[in-house]
Protein backbone atom coordinates (compact mmCIF):
# COMPACT_ATOMS: atom_id res chain seq x y z
CA MET A 1 24.39 -17.49 8.06
CA GLU A 2 21.09 -18.86 8.83
CA LYS A 3 19.67 -18.63 12.31
CA VAL A 4 19.15 -22.03 14.06
CA ALA A 5 15.96 -22.45 15.54
CA ILE A 6 16.08 -23.41 19.37
CA PRO A 7 13.71 -25.95 20.59
CA VAL A 8 11.49 -24.40 23.28
CA LYS A 9 8.88 -25.99 25.56
CA THR A 10 5.94 -23.48 25.26
CA GLU A 11 3.53 -24.94 27.83
CA LYS A 12 5.16 -23.40 30.68
CA TYR A 13 6.45 -20.19 28.94
CA PRO A 14 7.56 -17.68 30.38
CA GLU A 15 9.60 -19.05 32.98
CA ARG A 16 12.11 -16.33 33.28
CA PRO A 17 12.13 -12.57 32.81
CA ILE A 18 11.77 -11.28 29.12
CA THR A 19 14.25 -8.69 27.82
CA VAL A 20 12.87 -5.84 25.47
CA ILE A 21 15.49 -4.11 23.37
CA VAL A 22 14.77 -0.32 22.90
CA PRO A 23 16.74 0.94 20.08
CA TYR A 24 17.01 4.36 21.40
CA SER A 25 18.49 6.21 24.62
CA PRO A 26 16.53 6.42 27.88
CA GLY A 27 14.06 8.92 28.48
CA GLY A 28 12.82 9.27 24.89
CA GLY A 29 9.09 8.52 23.84
CA LEU A 30 9.47 4.85 22.73
CA ASP A 31 11.58 4.21 26.11
CA LEU A 32 8.91 5.66 28.32
CA THR A 33 6.14 3.85 26.57
CA ILE A 34 7.99 0.35 27.05
CA ARG A 35 8.87 1.24 30.71
CA SER A 36 5.07 1.71 31.09
CA LEU A 37 4.29 -1.75 29.89
CA GLU A 38 6.97 -3.02 32.35
CA LYS A 39 4.96 -2.07 35.21
CA PHE A 40 1.82 -4.25 34.25
CA ALA A 41 4.05 -7.46 32.96
CA ILE A 42 4.12 -9.71 36.38
CA GLN A 43 0.37 -9.11 36.46
CA HIS A 44 -0.53 -10.08 32.69
CA LEU A 45 2.32 -12.06 31.66
CA GLY A 46 3.46 -13.69 34.68
CA GLN A 47 7.09 -12.48 34.52
CA PRO A 48 8.97 -9.05 34.53
CA LEU A 49 10.04 -7.22 31.48
CA VAL A 50 13.85 -6.36 31.62
CA ILE A 51 14.64 -3.20 29.57
CA ILE A 52 17.80 -2.82 27.55
CA ASN A 53 18.58 0.48 25.34
CA LYS A 54 20.68 -0.18 22.58
CA PRO A 55 20.63 3.42 20.87
CA GLY A 56 22.61 4.12 17.50
CA SER A 57 22.39 4.16 13.74
CA ALA A 58 18.96 5.67 13.87
CA GLY A 59 17.56 2.51 15.50
CA ALA A 60 19.47 0.03 13.54
CA ILE A 61 21.79 -1.42 16.11
CA GLY A 62 18.82 -2.29 18.44
CA TRP A 63 16.51 -3.58 15.77
CA ASN A 64 19.44 -5.63 14.27
CA GLU A 65 19.86 -7.18 17.67
CA THR A 66 16.34 -8.00 17.89
CA VAL A 67 16.22 -9.88 14.51
CA ALA A 68 19.24 -11.76 15.42
CA ALA A 69 18.22 -12.78 18.92
CA PRO A 70 17.42 -16.45 19.91
CA THR A 71 13.78 -17.33 18.96
CA ASP A 72 12.85 -18.76 22.49
CA GLY A 73 10.64 -15.74 23.27
CA TYR A 74 12.96 -14.11 25.94
CA THR A 75 14.02 -11.31 23.65
CA MET A 76 11.62 -9.03 22.34
CA GLY A 77 12.27 -5.58 20.45
CA ALA A 78 10.35 -2.00 20.69
CA THR A 79 9.08 -0.90 17.26
CA ALA A 80 8.26 2.34 15.68
CA ILE A 81 7.61 3.74 12.11
CA ASP A 82 11.19 4.86 11.66
CA MET A 83 11.70 1.06 11.46
CA LEU A 84 9.75 1.03 8.12
CA LEU A 85 12.01 3.72 6.71
CA LEU A 86 15.35 2.06 7.67
CA SER A 87 13.80 -0.90 5.63
CA LEU A 88 13.01 1.12 2.94
CA TYR A 89 16.39 2.88 2.63
CA ASP A 90 17.92 -0.53 2.06
CA THR A 91 21.16 0.28 3.88
CA GLY A 92 21.24 -2.25 6.55
CA LYS A 93 21.36 -5.85 7.32
CA TYR A 94 17.88 -6.46 7.35
CA ASN A 95 14.46 -5.89 6.04
CA TYR A 96 12.67 -5.36 9.56
CA VAL A 97 9.12 -5.84 7.98
CA THR A 98 10.01 -9.33 6.95
CA ALA A 99 12.43 -10.28 9.55
CA LEU A 100 10.34 -9.25 12.62
CA SER A 101 6.94 -10.40 13.66
CA PRO A 102 4.87 -7.91 15.58
CA ILE A 103 3.12 -8.90 18.84
CA ALA A 104 1.28 -5.70 19.23
CA GLN A 105 0.81 -1.72 18.58
CA VAL A 106 0.63 0.12 21.79
CA THR A 107 0.30 3.77 20.86
CA ALA A 108 -0.53 5.69 17.79
CA LEU A 109 0.23 9.53 17.95
CA PRO A 110 -0.31 11.97 14.99
CA MET A 111 2.42 14.24 14.22
CA LEU A 112 1.58 17.89 14.52
CA LEU A 113 2.24 20.63 11.84
CA ALA A 114 3.65 23.76 14.14
CA VAL A 115 4.50 27.07 13.54
CA GLN A 116 5.24 30.17 15.65
CA SER A 117 2.32 31.96 16.63
CA GLY A 118 3.51 35.28 15.23
CA GLN A 119 3.79 33.86 11.87
CA PRO A 120 1.44 35.84 9.24
CA TYR A 121 -0.53 32.51 8.33
CA GLN A 122 -3.13 31.33 10.51
CA THR A 123 -4.40 28.21 8.65
CA LEU A 124 -2.59 25.70 6.50
CA ASN A 125 -4.36 27.02 3.43
CA GLU A 126 -2.61 30.72 4.13
CA LEU A 127 0.42 28.81 4.74
CA VAL A 128 0.34 27.25 1.45
CA GLU A 129 -0.69 30.35 -0.31
CA TYR A 130 2.03 32.34 1.47
CA GLU A 131 4.99 30.07 0.47
CA LYS A 132 3.64 30.22 -3.32
CA LYS A 133 3.76 34.03 -3.05
CA HIS A 134 6.99 34.18 -1.01
CA PRO A 135 9.14 31.02 -2.48
CA GLY A 136 11.99 30.34 -0.26
CA LYS A 137 10.96 32.30 2.65
CA ILE A 138 9.54 29.34 4.80
CA LYS A 139 12.08 26.74 5.93
CA PHE A 140 11.19 23.46 7.65
CA GLY A 141 13.28 22.02 10.56
CA ASN A 142 13.63 18.17 10.86
CA VAL A 143 16.03 15.62 12.57
CA GLY A 144 18.10 14.63 9.65
CA THR A 145 17.86 13.59 6.09
CA GLY A 146 15.54 10.61 5.63
CA SER A 147 13.84 11.19 8.99
CA PHE A 148 10.05 10.65 9.43
CA GLY A 149 9.68 14.56 9.87
CA HIS A 150 11.75 15.10 6.60
CA VAL A 151 9.48 12.75 4.86
CA LEU A 152 6.10 14.01 5.89
CA CYS A 153 7.28 17.48 4.93
CA GLU A 154 7.86 16.06 1.46
CA MET A 155 4.42 14.50 1.71
CA LEU A 156 3.21 18.16 2.16
CA ASN A 157 5.15 19.77 -0.50
CA ARG A 158 3.94 17.00 -3.14
CA GLU A 159 0.29 17.17 -1.89
CA ALA A 160 0.13 21.10 -1.68
CA GLY A 161 2.21 22.04 -4.82
CA ILE A 162 4.82 23.74 -2.89
CA ASN A 163 8.52 23.30 -2.26
CA ILE A 164 9.43 24.16 1.40
CA GLU A 165 13.22 23.94 1.99
CA GLN A 166 14.50 21.36 4.65
CA VAL A 167 16.87 22.23 7.27
CA PRO A 168 18.16 19.02 9.08
CA PHE A 169 19.24 19.04 12.60
CA SER A 170 21.13 16.44 14.67
CA GLY A 171 18.31 15.85 17.07
CA GLY A 172 14.62 16.32 17.94
CA GLY A 173 15.86 18.52 20.79
CA GLU A 174 17.11 21.19 18.49
CA THR A 175 14.15 21.74 16.36
CA ILE A 176 11.68 23.36 18.77
CA PRO A 177 14.31 26.05 19.88
CA ALA A 178 14.96 26.54 16.23
CA LEU A 179 11.16 27.18 15.68
CA LEU A 180 10.80 29.37 18.67
CA GLY A 181 14.03 31.38 17.57
CA GLY A 182 12.54 32.01 14.03
CA HIS A 183 15.43 30.05 12.54
CA VAL A 184 12.65 27.59 10.84
CA GLN A 185 9.19 28.44 10.28
CA LEU A 186 7.74 24.96 10.20
CA ILE A 187 8.17 21.58 11.91
CA PHE A 188 6.21 18.34 12.38
CA ILE A 189 6.42 17.34 15.96
CA ASN A 190 4.77 14.96 18.43
CA PRO A 191 2.17 16.28 20.55
CA VAL A 192 4.15 15.50 23.93
CA SER A 193 7.08 17.51 22.87
CA ILE A 194 4.92 20.69 21.83
CA LYS A 195 2.06 20.96 24.26
CA GLU A 196 3.19 23.16 26.75
CA HIS A 197 4.35 25.81 23.88
CA VAL A 198 1.01 25.19 22.57
CA LYS A 199 -0.71 26.01 25.78
CA ASN A 200 1.41 29.13 26.66
CA GLY A 201 0.33 30.68 23.15
CA THR A 202 3.80 30.77 21.68
CA VAL A 203 3.18 27.89 19.02
CA ARG A 204 0.20 27.21 16.79
CA ILE A 205 -0.78 23.86 15.42
CA LEU A 206 -2.31 24.12 11.83
CA ALA A 207 -2.95 20.44 11.20
CA VAL A 208 -2.62 16.74 12.38
CA THR A 209 -1.40 13.80 10.30
CA GLY A 210 -3.80 11.08 11.61
CA GLU A 211 -7.10 10.00 10.00
CA ARG A 212 -9.07 11.88 12.91
CA ARG A 213 -8.65 14.80 15.26
CA MET A 214 -7.15 14.21 18.49
CA ALA A 215 -9.27 13.81 21.96
CA ASP A 216 -6.84 15.98 23.72
CA PRO A 217 -8.56 19.05 24.44
CA VAL A 218 -5.50 21.17 23.74
CA PHE A 219 -5.49 20.02 20.26
CA ALA A 220 -9.31 18.92 19.43
CA HIS A 221 -9.93 21.99 17.62
CA VAL A 222 -6.92 21.23 15.03
CA PRO A 223 -8.36 19.77 11.83
CA THR A 224 -6.50 16.94 10.05
CA LEU A 225 -4.50 17.32 7.02
CA LYS A 226 -7.24 15.43 5.04
CA GLU A 227 -9.81 17.56 6.13
CA GLN A 228 -7.95 20.25 4.53
CA GLY A 229 -7.77 18.66 1.42
CA LEU A 230 -4.32 17.05 1.50
CA ASN A 231 -4.44 13.17 1.12
CA ILE A 232 -2.06 12.70 4.05
CA THR A 233 -2.92 10.32 6.70
CA ILE A 234 -0.26 8.55 8.68
CA ASP A 235 0.82 8.48 12.56
CA ASN A 236 3.82 7.87 14.75
CA TRP A 237 3.12 4.27 16.29
CA GLN A 238 4.87 2.28 18.72
CA GLY A 239 4.65 -1.29 19.43
CA ILE A 240 6.57 -4.63 20.30
CA ALA A 241 7.83 -7.59 18.16
CA VAL A 242 9.87 -10.70 18.16
CA PRO A 243 12.13 -12.34 15.74
CA LYS A 244 10.05 -13.93 12.92
CA GLU A 245 11.06 -17.44 13.40
CA THR A 246 9.76 -17.52 17.13
CA PRO A 247 7.24 -20.48 17.51
CA VAL A 248 3.52 -19.70 16.93
CA ALA A 249 2.70 -20.99 20.67
CA ILE A 250 4.95 -18.25 22.25
CA LYS A 251 3.97 -15.64 19.78
CA ASN A 252 0.23 -16.25 20.91
CA LYS A 253 1.30 -16.22 24.53
CA LEU A 254 2.80 -12.89 24.32
CA ALA A 255 0.14 -11.52 21.96
CA GLU A 256 -2.51 -12.57 24.55
CA GLY A 257 -0.41 -10.91 27.58
CA PHE A 258 0.38 -7.68 25.89
CA LYS A 259 -3.19 -7.20 24.76
CA ALA A 260 -4.17 -7.55 28.34
CA ILE A 261 -1.70 -5.09 29.61
CA ILE A 262 -2.65 -2.38 26.78
CA ASN A 263 -6.10 -2.64 27.68
CA ASP A 264 -5.88 -2.35 31.20
CA PRO A 265 -7.67 0.69 32.22
CA GLU A 266 -4.69 1.68 34.79
CA PHE A 267 -2.11 1.51 31.69
CA LYS A 268 -4.33 3.51 29.58
CA GLU A 269 -4.72 6.24 32.38
CA ASN A 270 -1.03 6.28 32.77
CA MET A 271 -0.39 6.77 28.95
CA GLU A 272 -2.97 9.43 28.79
CA ARG A 273 -1.80 11.53 31.70
CA VAL A 274 1.55 11.82 29.83
CA GLY A 275 0.00 12.81 26.76
CA ASN A 276 0.31 9.67 24.70
CA GLN A 277 -2.71 7.85 22.75
CA VAL A 278 -3.15 3.95 23.35
CA GLU A 279 -4.06 2.39 20.21
CA TYR A 280 -4.15 -1.11 20.57
CA LEU A 281 -3.57 -3.43 17.28
CA GLY A 282 -3.26 -7.21 17.42
CA PRO A 283 -0.40 -9.14 15.28
CA GLN A 284 -2.45 -9.40 11.98
CA GLU A 285 -3.73 -6.04 12.25
CA SER A 286 -0.10 -4.83 12.94
CA VAL A 287 1.19 -6.40 10.02
CA ALA A 288 -1.42 -4.89 7.91
CA LYS A 289 -0.51 -1.45 9.02
CA TRP A 290 3.34 -2.12 8.51
CA LEU A 291 2.65 -3.01 5.04
CA ALA A 292 0.03 -0.04 4.15
CA ASP A 293 2.40 2.60 5.97
CA SER A 294 5.49 1.23 4.07
CA GLN A 295 3.67 1.90 0.61
CA LYS A 296 2.89 5.37 1.62
CA LEU A 297 6.59 6.15 2.62
CA GLN A 298 7.83 4.54 -0.21
CA LYS A 299 5.86 6.49 -2.68
CA THR A 300 7.15 9.86 -1.29
CA LEU A 301 10.70 8.49 -0.91
CA GLN A 302 10.72 8.02 -4.70
CA GLU A 303 8.85 10.96 -5.71
CA SER A 304 10.92 13.51 -3.60
CA GLY A 305 14.51 12.25 -4.32
CA ILE A 306 15.27 11.32 -0.52
CA LEU A 307 16.25 7.97 -1.47
CA GLU A 308 19.07 9.14 -3.92
CA GLN A 309 20.13 11.60 -1.00
CA ILE A 310 20.47 8.65 1.38
CA LYS A 311 22.51 6.56 -1.08
CA THR A 312 24.54 9.66 -1.86
CA GLN A 313 25.23 9.93 1.87
CA LYS A 314 26.17 6.22 2.17
CA LYS A 315 28.99 6.52 -0.43
């Protein structure tokens, strides 16, 4: 059933609070980023943000609700790279890449390739050589089949010519204890979650997935995967979007307001204090990034067999 556009007077928009749907539980990384935006909304948008958490189905419940929301500019959705994966799996109601319009990218953090400090491999090259000499000895922990971490490890397998075995867990909170306990030897993890373990010396980081090294002094010495000869450059970004049919005038007002929030020095300082990395992109730049990242992910999904695994799970 086609959504009916609602006539909206844009000249006075916004005239009431704007709802933002977060597709995950309170307290997670995406939720905290959106709540940080909330503190600056009155100043730069003229209205407050009302955060509503709609977790479930790996984010699909919240993103489906965002797509189906009225196009009057009073309902937005938080976005993340996992949204692209759901679209590529073709298991949901919508293709979010075409059903949503990005307003802004807020943050972009690389994922970190983490191992226990006591392991015999000190560098990525040593890890690859060790796996080739001891096939099956290294296991990789992820938060479920088809998760971003799972896809990253398959990218690593393909680029390095190795075959590290995957061990899926039911949530991100389980992978770090599994690494520390020696149940798995390798995980891809966000910097915020692993920072204290790196500082106290229990975890070593072998690579970052971004285009460049991190500015954070704790991770600044860690080379990128690309520096180490592997053609993997992708980060875990967070942003905000509206239903595709939202009027252009409203999209422009939102884009202008969120650009001001994200570039506010105090907002940037707040983000950096918790280890997040602000990287603003406007609507058109965000569209280009969505498409480029989708191509990278789709290539790995097809080559690794993950798409077939997802289809089998859904039967």
